[in-house]
């Protein structure tokens, strides 16, 4: 099965729109150029933003981390982040998540 990563961010509320825009741009780049199987951005009840990102393998994720991403989008996203917690890596063992709905 494939690999998934969860990212966790606390965002400056005044910069939430910038964060979402920049994150969306980077998610598109990751899908188009670096092989991600897609990602979802969530805002939770605790005020944190959570990202679920799926990759074909841990190796594909690691290879993408070594490649450059759009500097402007990365800088805009970084300027909105107040706190970034370490990513959580997971190997998928069973998958019942529907796509395309």
PDB file of N, CA and C in Angstrom:
ATOM      1  N   UNK A   1       0.854  -1.176   0.000  1.00  0.00           N
ATOM      2  CA  UNK A   1       0.000   0.000   0.000  1.00  0.00           C
ATOM      3  C   UNK A   1       0.898   1.236   0.000  1.00  0.00           C
ATOM      4  N   UNK A   2       0.271   2.377  -0.016  1.00  0.00           N
ATOM      5  CA  UNK A   2       1.024   3.620  -0.141  1.00  0.00           C
ATOM      6  C   UNK A   2       1.339   4.238   1.220  1.00  0.00           C
ATOM      7  N   UNK A   3       1.865   5.421   1.176  1.00  0.00           N
ATOM      8  CA  UNK A   3       2.350   6.150   2.356  1.00  0.00           C
ATOM      9  C   UNK A   3       1.517   7.410   2.531  1.00  0.00           C
ATOM     10  N   UNK A   4       1.298   7.815   3.769  1.00  0.00           N
ATOM     11  CA  UNK A   4       0.559   9.050   4.044  1.00  0.00           C
ATOM     12  C   UNK A   4       1.326   9.872   5.071  1.00  0.00           C
ATOM     13  N   UNK A   5       1.105  11.178   5.014  1.00  0.00           N
ATOM     14  CA  UNK A   5       1.740  12.097   5.952  1.00  0.00           C
ATOM     15  C   UNK A   5       0.669  13.039   6.479  1.00  0.00           C
ATOM     16  N   UNK A   6       0.714  13.291   7.784  1.00  0.00           N
ATOM     17  CA  UNK A   6      -0.153  14.294   8.384  1.00  0.00           C
ATOM     18  C   UNK A   6       0.724  15.447   8.850  1.00  0.00           C
ATOM     19  N   UNK A   7       0.375  16.637   8.399  1.00  0.00           N
ATOM     20  CA  UNK A   7       1.034  17.869   8.826  1.00  0.00           C
ATOM     21  C   UNK A   7       0.070  18.629   9.729  1.00  0.00           C
ATOM     22  N   UNK A   8       0.610  19.362  10.706  1.00  0.00           N
ATOM     23  CA  UNK A   8      -0.224  20.120  11.640  1.00  0.00           C
ATOM     24  C   UNK A   8       0.332  21.534  11.782  1.00  0.00           C
ATOM     25  N   UNK A   9      -0.553  22.511  11.616  1.00  0.00           N
ATOM     26  CA  UNK A   9      -0.146  23.918  11.647  1.00  0.00           C
ATOM     27  C   UNK A   9      -1.113  24.750  12.493  1.00  0.00           C
ATOM     28  N   UNK A  10      -0.559  25.696  13.222  1.00  0.00           N
ATOM     29  CA  UNK A  10      -1.360  26.750  13.830  1.00  0.00           C
ATOM     30  C   UNK A  10      -1.065  27.997  13.005  1.00  0.00           C
ATOM     31  N   UNK A  11      -2.126  28.639  12.527  1.00  0.00           N
ATOM     32  CA  UNK A  11      -2.005  29.730  11.560  1.00  0.00           C
ATOM     33  C   UNK A  11      -2.439  31.054  12.193  1.00  0.00           C
ATOM     34  N   UNK A  12      -1.785  32.132  11.800  1.00  0.00           N
ATOM     35  CA  UNK A  12      -2.242  33.470  12.165  1.00  0.00           C
ATOM     36  C   UNK A  12      -3.599  33.660  11.492  1.00  0.00           C
ATOM     37  N   UNK A  13      -4.669  33.878  12.264  1.00  0.00           N
ATOM     38  CA  UNK A  13      -6.010  33.980  11.669  1.00  0.00           C
ATOM     39  C   UNK A  13      -6.118  35.071  10.601  1.00  0.00           C
ATOM     40  N   UNK A  14      -5.321  36.118  10.732  1.00  0.00           N
ATOM     41  CA  UNK A  14      -5.347  37.200   9.745  1.00  0.00           C
ATOM     42  C   UNK A  14      -4.718  36.792   8.424  1.00  0.00           C
ATOM     43  N   UNK A  15      -3.976  35.684   8.434  1.00  0.00           N
ATOM     44  CA  UNK A  15      -3.295  35.222   7.215  1.00  0.00           C
ATOM     45  C   UNK A  15      -3.816  33.879   6.726  1.00  0.00           C
ATOM     46  N   UNK A  16      -4.985  33.478   7.208  1.00  0.00           N
ATOM     47  CA  UNK A  16      -5.526  32.168   6.835  1.00  0.00           C
ATOM     48  C   UNK A  16      -5.743  32.052   5.331  1.00  0.00           C
ATOM     49  N   UNK A  17      -6.265  33.100   4.705  1.00  0.00           N
ATOM     50  CA  UNK A  17      -6.509  33.054   3.251  1.00  0.00           C
ATOM     51  C   UNK A  17      -5.192  32.887   2.490  1.00  0.00           C
ATOM     52  N   UNK A  18      -4.141  33.571   2.931  1.00  0.00           N
ATOM     53  CA  UNK A  18      -2.821  33.427   2.292  1.00  0.00           C
ATOM     54  C   UNK A  18      -2.307  32.003   2.453  1.00  0.00           C
ATOM     55  N   UNK A  19      -2.472  31.457   3.646  1.00  0.00           N
ATOM     56  CA  UNK A  19      -2.018  30.093   3.912  1.00  0.00           C
ATOM     57  C   UNK A  19      -2.726  29.102   2.991  1.00  0.00           C
ATOM     58  N   UNK A  20      -4.044  29.208   2.914  1.00  0.00           N
ATOM     59  CA  UNK A  20      -4.827  28.282   2.089  1.00  0.00           C
ATOM     60  C   UNK A  20      -4.441  28.401   0.619  1.00  0.00           C
ATOM     61  N   UNK A  21      -4.258  29.624   0.144  1.00  0.00           N
ATOM     62  CA  UNK A  21      -3.872  29.852  -1.247  1.00  0.00           C
ATOM     63  C   UNK A  21      -2.495  29.260  -1.550  1.00  0.00           C
ATOM     64  N   UNK A  22      -1.531  29.537  -0.677  1.00  0.00           N
ATOM     65  CA  UNK A  22      -0.170  29.038  -0.893  1.00  0.00           C
ATOM     66  C   UNK A  22      -0.126  27.521  -0.758  1.00  0.00           C
ATOM     67  N   UNK A  23      -0.826  26.980   0.241  1.00  0.00           N
ATOM     68  CA  UNK A  23      -0.869  25.523   0.407  1.00  0.00           C
ATOM     69  C   UNK A  23      -1.466  24.866  -0.829  1.00  0.00           C
ATOM     70  N   UNK A  24      -2.528  25.436  -1.357  1.00  0.00           N
ATOM     71  CA  UNK A  24      -3.183  24.885  -2.545  1.00  0.00           C
ATOM     72  C   UNK A  24      -2.234  24.864  -3.730  1.00  0.00           C
ATOM     73  N   UNK A  25      -1.464  25.917  -3.896  1.00  0.00           N
ATOM     74  CA  UNK A  25      -0.488  25.986  -4.993  1.00  0.00           C
ATOM     75  C   UNK A  25       0.567  24.885  -4.835  1.00  0.00           C
ATOM     76  N   UNK A  26       1.079  24.741  -3.625  1.00  0.00           N
ATOM     77  CA  UNK A  26       2.097  23.720  -3.392  1.00  0.00           C
ATOM     78  C   UNK A  26       1.534  22.311  -3.546  1.00  0.00           C
ATOM     79  N   UNK A  27       0.283  22.102  -3.163  1.00  0.00           N
ATOM     80  CA  UNK A  27      -0.351  20.788  -3.337  1.00  0.00           C
ATOM     81  C   UNK A  27      -0.480  20.449  -4.819  1.00  0.00           C
ATOM     82  N   UNK A  28      -0.821  21.446  -5.629  1.00  0.00           N
ATOM     83  CA  UNK A  28      -0.904  21.231  -7.082  1.00  0.00           C
ATOM     84  C   UNK A  28       0.456  20.877  -7.659  1.00  0.00           C
ATOM     85  N   UNK A  29       1.499  21.584  -7.230  1.00  0.00           N
ATOM     86  CA  UNK A  29       2.864  21.306  -7.712  1.00  0.00           C
ATOM     87  C   UNK A  29       3.281  19.899  -7.306  1.00  0.00           C
ATOM     88  N   UNK A  30       3.002  19.532  -6.046  1.00  0.00           N
ATOM     89  CA  UNK A  30       3.369  18.187  -5.590  1.00  0.00           C
ATOM     90  C   UNK A  30       2.672  17.108  -6.407  1.00  0.00           C
ATOM     91  N   UNK A  31       1.419  17.339  -6.746  1.00  0.00           N
ATOM     92  CA  UNK A  31       0.681  16.341  -7.533  1.00  0.00           C
ATOM     93  C   UNK A  31       1.212  16.285  -8.968  1.00  0.00           C
ATOM     94  N   UNK A  32       1.423  17.442  -9.563  1.00  0.00           N
ATOM     95  CA  UNK A  32       1.818  17.492 -10.975  1.00  0.00           C
ATOM     96  C   UNK A  32       3.261  17.060 -11.221  1.00  0.00           C
ATOM     97  N   UNK A  33       4.165  17.449 -10.334  1.00  0.00           N
ATOM     98  CA  UNK A  33       5.592  17.237 -10.603  1.00  0.00           C
ATOM     99  C   UNK A  33       6.268  16.207  -9.708  1.00  0.00           C
ATOM    100  N   UNK A  34       5.724  15.967  -8.516  1.00  0.00           N
ATOM    101  CA  UNK A  34       6.470  15.154  -7.550  1.00  0.00           C
ATOM    102  C   UNK A  34       5.779  13.849  -7.166  1.00  0.00           C
ATOM    103  N   UNK A  35       4.663  13.518  -7.794  1.00  0.00           N
ATOM    104  CA  UNK A  35       4.086  12.204  -7.642  1.00  0.00           C
ATOM    105  C   UNK A  35       3.143  11.975  -6.485  1.00  0.00           C
ATOM    106  N   UNK A  36       2.742  13.016  -5.771  1.00  0.00           N
ATOM    107  CA  UNK A  36       1.783  12.794  -4.696  1.00  0.00           C
ATOM    108  C   UNK A  36       0.464  12.286  -5.276  1.00  0.00           C
ATOM    109  N   UNK A  37      -0.252  11.530  -4.484  1.00  0.00           N
ATOM    110  CA  UNK A  37      -1.555  11.012  -4.896  1.00  0.00           C
ATOM    111  C   UNK A  37      -2.683  11.944  -4.453  1.00  0.00           C
ATOM    112  N   UNK A  38      -2.310  13.104  -3.931  1.00  0.00           N
ATOM    113  CA  UNK A  38      -3.284  14.101  -3.519  1.00  0.00           C
ATOM    114  C   UNK A  38      -3.136  14.462  -2.052  1.00  0.00           C
ATOM    115  N   UNK A  39      -3.835  15.503  -1.671  1.00  0.00           N
ATOM    116  CA  UNK A  39      -3.774  15.982  -0.294  1.00  0.00           C
ATOM    117  C   UNK A  39      -5.091  16.676   0.049  1.00  0.00           C
ATOM    118  N   UNK A  40      -5.370  16.730   1.338  1.00  0.00           N
ATOM    119  CA  UNK A  40      -6.556  17.435   1.829  1.00  0.00           C
ATOM    120  C   UNK A  40      -6.136  18.331   2.974  1.00  0.00           C
ATOM    121  N   UNK A  41      -6.673  19.547   2.974  1.00  0.00           N
ATOM    122  CA  UNK A  41      -6.419  20.512   4.048  1.00  0.00           C
ATOM    123  C   UNK A  41      -7.682  20.626   4.889  1.00  0.00           C
ATOM    124  N   UNK A  42      -7.531  20.493   6.199  1.00  0.00           N
ATOM    125  CA  UNK A  42      -8.668  20.532   7.118  1.00  0.00           C
ATOM    126  C   UNK A  42      -8.434  21.598   8.186  1.00  0.00           C
ATOM    127  N   UNK A  43      -9.501  22.261   8.611  1.00  0.00           N
ATOM    128  CA  UNK A  43      -9.472  23.123   9.788  1.00  0.00           C
ATOM    129  C   UNK A  43     -10.260  22.401  10.869  1.00  0.00           C
ATOM    130  N   UNK A  44      -9.613  22.091  11.991  1.00  0.00           N
ATOM    131  CA  UNK A  44     -10.239  21.309  13.054  1.00  0.00           C
ATOM    132  C   UNK A  44     -10.846  22.210  14.125  1.00  0.00           C
ATOM    133  N   UNK A  45     -11.659  21.593  14.961  1.00  0.00           N
ATOM    134  CA  UNK A  45     -12.293  22.309  16.062  1.00  0.00           C
ATOM    135  C   UNK A  45     -11.286  22.932  17.022  1.00  0.00           C
ATOM    136  N   UNK A  46     -10.074  22.389  17.075  1.00  0.00           N
ATOM    137  CA  UNK A  46      -9.056  22.930  17.977  1.00  0.00           C
ATOM    138  C   UNK A  46      -8.326  24.142  17.382  1.00  0.00           C
ATOM    139  N   UNK A  47      -8.752  24.584  16.191  1.00  0.00           N
ATOM    140  CA  UNK A  47      -8.137  25.744  15.550  1.00  0.00           C
ATOM    141  C   UNK A  47      -6.897  25.429  14.734  1.00  0.00           C
ATOM    142  N   UNK A  48      -6.481  24.173  14.740  1.00  0.00           N
ATOM    143  CA  UNK A  48      -5.303  23.768  13.973  1.00  0.00           C
ATOM    144  C   UNK A  48      -5.712  23.382  12.563  1.00  0.00           C
ATOM    145  N   UNK A  49      -4.808  23.609  11.618  1.00  0.00           N
ATOM    146  CA  UNK A  49      -4.966  23.121  10.252  1.00  0.00           C
ATOM    147  C   UNK A  49      -4.214  21.799  10.162  1.00  0.00           C
ATOM    148  N   UNK A  50      -4.886  20.802   9.603  1.00  0.00           N
ATOM    149  CA  UNK A  50      -4.308  19.480   9.418  1.00  0.00           C
ATOM    150  C   UNK A  50      -4.312  19.164   7.931  1.00  0.00           C
ATOM    151  N   UNK A  51      -3.204  18.600   7.471  1.00  0.00           N
ATOM    152  CA  UNK A  51      -3.081  18.179   6.077  1.00  0.00           C
ATOM    153  C   UNK A  51      -2.887  16.675   6.059  1.00  0.00           C
ATOM    154  N   UNK A  52      -3.662  16.025   5.208  1.00  0.00           N
ATOM    155  CA  UNK A  52      -3.479  14.606   4.929  1.00  0.00           C
ATOM    156  C   UNK A  52      -2.951  14.522   3.510  1.00  0.00           C
ATOM    157  N   UNK A  53      -1.750  14.009   3.348  1.00  0.00           N
ATOM    158  CA  UNK A  53      -1.111  13.911   2.040  1.00  0.00           C
ATOM    159  C   UNK A  53      -0.758  12.449   1.784  1.00  0.00           C
ATOM    160  N   UNK A  54      -1.093  11.983   0.593  1.00  0.00           N
ATOM    161  CA  UNK A  54      -0.864  10.575   0.256  1.00  0.00           C
ATOM    162  C   UNK A  54       0.166  10.458  -0.857  1.00  0.00           C
ATOM    163  N   UNK A  55       1.069   9.500  -0.699  1.00  0.00           N
ATOM    164  CA  UNK A  55       2.164   9.279  -1.630  1.00  0.00           C
ATOM    165  C   UNK A  55       2.213   7.814  -2.033  1.00  0.00           C
ATOM    166  N   UNK A  56       2.770   7.512  -3.209  1.00  0.00           N
ATOM    167  CA  UNK A  56       2.887   6.108  -3.627  1.00  0.00           C
ATOM    168  C   UNK A  56       3.752   5.288  -2.665  1.00  0.00           C
ATOM    169  N   UNK A  57       4.766   5.949  -2.063  1.00  0.00           N
ATOM    170  CA  UNK A  57       5.681   5.256  -1.149  1.00  0.00           C
ATOM    171  C   UNK A  57       6.429   6.294  -0.316  1.00  0.00           C
ATOM    172  N   UNK A  58       7.082   5.834   0.731  1.00  0.00           N
ATOM    173  CA  UNK A  58       7.926   6.733   1.535  1.00  0.00           C
ATOM    174  C   UNK A  58       9.088   7.236   0.680  1.00  0.00           C
ATOM    175  N   UNK A  59       9.579   6.392  -0.197  1.00  0.00           N
ATOM    176  CA  UNK A  59      10.684   6.789  -1.064  1.00  0.00           C
ATOM    177  C   UNK A  59      10.271   7.945  -1.988  1.00  0.00           C
ATOM    178  N   UNK A  60       9.055   7.902  -2.520  1.00  0.00           N
ATOM    179  CA  UNK A  60       8.563   8.993  -3.377  1.00  0.00           C
ATOM    180  C   UNK A  60       8.448  10.283  -2.583  1.00  0.00           C
ATOM    181  N   UNK A  61       7.970  10.199  -1.342  1.00  0.00           N
ATOM    182  CA  UNK A  61       7.892  11.374  -0.482  1.00  0.00           C
ATOM    183  C   UNK A  61       9.285  11.941  -0.238  1.00  0.00           C
ATOM    184  N   UNK A  62      10.222  11.094   0.173  1.00  0.00           N
ATOM    185  CA  UNK A  62      11.586  11.548   0.466  1.00  0.00           C
ATOM    186  C   UNK A  62      12.229  12.198  -0.745  1.00  0.00           C
ATOM    187  N   UNK A  63      12.018  11.636  -1.933  1.00  0.00           N
ATOM    188  CA  UNK A  63      12.591  12.214  -3.159  1.00  0.00           C
ATOM    189  C   UNK A  63      11.992  13.593  -3.431  1.00  0.00           C
ATOM    190  N   UNK A  64      10.703  13.758  -3.197  1.00  0.00           N
ATOM    191  CA  UNK A  64      10.046  15.048  -3.427  1.00  0.00           C
ATOM    192  C   UNK A  64      10.548  16.100  -2.448  1.00  0.00           C
ATOM    193  N   UNK A  65      10.846  15.698  -1.221  1.00  0.00           N
ATOM    194  CA  UNK A  65      11.337  16.642  -0.216  1.00  0.00           C
ATOM    195  C   UNK A  65      12.680  17.245  -0.618  1.00  0.00           C
ATOM    196  N   UNK A  66      13.430  16.554  -1.457  1.00  0.00           N
ATOM    197  CA  UNK A  66      14.742  17.035  -1.890  1.00  0.00           C
ATOM    198  C   UNK A  66      14.662  17.976  -3.091  1.00  0.00           C
ATOM    199  N   UNK A  67      13.493  18.103  -3.700  1.00  0.00           N
ATOM    200  CA  UNK A  67      13.334  18.944  -4.884  1.00  0.00           C
ATOM    201  C   UNK A  67      12.818  20.318  -4.496  1.00  0.00           C
ATOM    202  N   UNK A  68      13.151  21.325  -5.298  1.00  0.00           N
ATOM    203  CA  UNK A  68      12.697  22.676  -4.964  1.00  0.00           C
ATOM    204  C   UNK A  68      11.203  22.859  -5.202  1.00  0.00           C
ATOM    205  N   UNK A  69      10.583  23.656  -4.358  1.00  0.00           N
ATOM    206  CA  UNK A  69       9.175  24.026  -4.521  1.00  0.00           C
ATOM    207  C   UNK A  69       9.118  25.514  -4.851  1.00  0.00           C
ATOM    208  N   UNK A  70       8.003  25.981  -5.392  1.00  0.00           N
ATOM    209  CA  UNK A  70       7.894  27.409  -5.726  1.00  0.00           C
ATOM    210  C   UNK A  70       8.195  28.295  -4.511  1.00  0.00           C
ATOM    211  N   UNK A  71       9.218  29.114  -4.632  1.00  0.00           N
ATOM    212  CA  UNK A  71       9.688  29.924  -3.516  1.00  0.00           C
ATOM    213  C   UNK A  71       8.630  30.898  -3.017  1.00  0.00           C
ATOM    214  N   UNK A  72       7.902  31.557  -3.918  1.00  0.00           N
ATOM    215  CA  UNK A  72       6.898  32.540  -3.504  1.00  0.00           C
ATOM    216  C   UNK A  72       5.778  31.886  -2.696  1.00  0.00           C
ATOM    217  N   UNK A  73       5.298  30.748  -3.142  1.00  0.00           N
ATOM    218  CA  UNK A  73       4.223  30.057  -2.424  1.00  0.00           C
ATOM    219  C   UNK A  73       4.720  29.551  -1.076  1.00  0.00           C
ATOM    220  N   UNK A  74       5.906  29.023  -1.053  1.00  0.00           N
ATOM    221  CA  UNK A  74       6.471  28.524   0.206  1.00  0.00           C
ATOM    222  C   UNK A  74       6.659  29.666   1.205  1.00  0.00           C
ATOM    223  N   UNK A  75       7.142  30.811   0.731  1.00  0.00           N
ATOM    224  CA  UNK A  75       7.341  31.963   1.615  1.00  0.00           C
ATOM    225  C   UNK A  75       6.012  32.503   2.137  1.00  0.00           C
ATOM    226  N   UNK A  76       4.995  32.560   1.265  1.00  0.00           N
ATOM    227  CA  UNK A  76       3.683  33.043   1.688  1.00  0.00           C
ATOM    228  C   UNK A  76       3.083  32.102   2.739  1.00  0.00           C
ATOM    229  N   UNK A  77       3.209  30.815   2.512  1.00  0.00           N
ATOM    230  CA  UNK A  77       2.695  29.846   3.472  1.00  0.00           C
ATOM    231  C   UNK A  77       3.437  29.985   4.805  1.00  0.00           C
ATOM    232  N   UNK A  78       4.748  30.074   4.750  1.00  0.00           N
ATOM    233  CA  UNK A  78       5.558  30.187   5.970  1.00  0.00           C
ATOM    234  C   UNK A  78       5.216  31.441   6.765  1.00  0.00           C
ATOM    235  N   UNK A  79       4.895  32.525   6.068  1.00  0.00           N
ATOM    236  CA  UNK A  79       4.600  33.783   6.768  1.00  0.00           C
ATOM    237  C   UNK A  79       3.298  33.709   7.561  1.00  0.00           C
ATOM    238  N   UNK A  80       2.446  32.745   7.251  1.00  0.00           N
ATOM    239  CA  UNK A  80       1.168  32.600   7.944  1.00  0.00           C
ATOM    240  C   UNK A  80       1.244  31.630   9.123  1.00  0.00           C
ATOM    241  N   UNK A  81       2.293  30.836   9.181  1.00  0.00           N
ATOM    242  CA  UNK A  81       2.388  29.780  10.193  1.00  0.00           C
ATOM    243  C   UNK A  81       2.927  30.344  11.502  1.00  0.00           C
ATOM    244  N   UNK A  82       2.174  30.097  12.576  1.00  0.00           N
ATOM    245  CA  UNK A  82       2.588  30.475  13.920  1.00  0.00           C
ATOM    246  C   UNK A  82       3.313  29.308  14.585  1.00  0.00           C
ATOM    247  N   UNK A  83       2.822  28.100  14.332  1.00  0.00           N
ATOM    248  CA  UNK A  83       3.414  26.897  14.909  1.00  0.00           C
ATOM    249  C   UNK A  83       3.271  25.745  13.917  1.00  0.00           C
ATOM    250  N   UNK A  84       4.353  25.005  13.765  1.00  0.00           N
ATOM    251  CA  UNK A  84       4.357  23.828  12.889  1.00  0.00           C
ATOM    252  C   UNK A  84       4.828  22.644  13.722  1.00  0.00           C
ATOM    253  N   UNK A  85       3.976  21.638  13.839  1.00  0.00           N
ATOM    254  CA  UNK A  85       4.343  20.443  14.584  1.00  0.00           C
ATOM    255  C   UNK A  85       5.009  19.440  13.636  1.00  0.00           C
ATOM    256  N   UNK A  86       5.800  18.526  14.169  1.00  0.00           N
ATOM    257  CA  UNK A  86       6.480  17.559  13.296  1.00  0.00           C
ATOM    258  C   UNK A  86       5.471  16.730  12.500  1.00  0.00           C
ATOM    259  N   UNK A  87       5.815  16.404  11.260  1.00  0.00           N
ATOM    260  CA  UNK A  87       4.913  15.566  10.453  1.00  0.00           C
ATOM    261  C   UNK A  87       4.822  14.152  11.022  1.00  0.00           C
ATOM    262  N   UNK A  88       3.690  13.520  10.753  1.00  0.00           N
ATOM    263  CA  UNK A  88       3.467  12.134  11.166  1.00  0.00           C
ATOM    264  C   UNK A  88       3.434  11.285   9.894  1.00  0.00           C
ATOM    265  N   UNK A  89       4.347  10.332   9.799  1.00  0.00           N
ATOM    266  CA  UNK A  89       4.413   9.436   8.634  1.00  0.00           C
ATOM    267  C   UNK A  89       3.706   8.133   8.955  1.00  0.00           C
ATOM    268  N   UNK A  90       2.932   7.652   7.992  1.00  0.00           N
ATOM    269  CA  UNK A  90       2.154   6.433   8.198  1.00  0.00           C
ATOM    270  C   UNK A  90       2.167   5.592   6.928  1.00  0.00           C
ATOM    271  N   UNK A  91       2.318   4.305   7.101  1.00  0.00           N
ATOM    272  CA  UNK A  91       2.152   3.373   5.989  1.00  0.00           C
ATOM    273  C   UNK A  91       0.710   2.890   6.006  1.00  0.00           C
ATOM    274  N   UNK A  92       0.028   3.004   4.887  1.00  0.00           N
ATOM    275  CA  UNK A  92      -1.378   2.625   4.794  1.00  0.00           C
ATOM    276  C   UNK A  92      -1.480   1.102   4.710  1.00  0.00           C
ATOM    277  N   UNK A  93      -2.300   0.523   5.571  1.00  0.00           N
ATOM    278  CA  UNK A  93      -2.469  -0.928   5.620  1.00  0.00           C
ATOM    279  C   UNK A  93      -3.832  -1.359   5.112  1.00  0.00           C
ATOM    280  N   UNK A  94      -4.814  -0.483   5.162  1.00  0.00           N
ATOM    281  CA  UNK A  94      -6.149  -0.748   4.612  1.00  0.00           C
ATOM    282  C   UNK A  94      -6.719   0.604   4.202  1.00  0.00           C
ATOM    283  N   UNK A  95      -7.464   0.656   3.105  1.00  0.00           N
ATOM    284  CA  UNK A  95      -7.900   1.943   2.572  1.00  0.00           C
ATOM    285  C   UNK A  95      -9.359   1.857   2.103  1.00  0.00           C
ATOM    286  N   UNK A  96     -10.219   2.636   2.738  1.00  0.00           N
ATOM    287  CA  UNK A  96     -11.613   2.696   2.361  1.00  0.00           C
ATOM    288  C   UNK A  96     -12.058   4.143   2.105  1.00  0.00           C
ATOM    289  N   UNK A  97     -11.085   5.052   1.905  1.00  0.00           N
ATOM    290  CA  UNK A  97     -11.390   6.443   1.638  1.00  0.00           C
ATOM    291  C   UNK A  97     -11.827   6.581   0.194  1.00  0.00           C
ATOM    292  N   UNK A  98     -12.994   7.147  -0.011  1.00  0.00           N
ATOM    293  CA  UNK A  98     -13.504   7.356  -1.363  1.00  0.00           C
ATOM    294  C   UNK A  98     -12.896   8.614  -1.949  1.00  0.00           C
ATOM    295  N   UNK A  99     -12.705   8.608  -3.254  1.00  0.00           N
ATOM    296  CA  UNK A  99     -12.217   9.791  -3.949  1.00  0.00           C
ATOM    297  C   UNK A  99     -13.232  10.207  -4.994  1.00  0.00           C
ATOM    298  N   UNK A 100     -13.160  11.454  -5.395  1.00  0.00           N
ATOM    299  CA  UNK A 100     -13.996  11.933  -6.482  1.00  0.00           C
ATOM    300  C   UNK A 100     -15.396  12.330  -6.073  1.00  0.00           C
ATOM    301  N   UNK A 101     -15.669  12.449  -4.815  1.00  0.00           N
ATOM    302  CA  UNK A 101     -16.994  12.869  -4.364  1.00  0.00           C
ATOM    303  C   UNK A 101     -16.924  14.178  -3.656  1.00  0.00           C
TER     304      UNK A 101
END
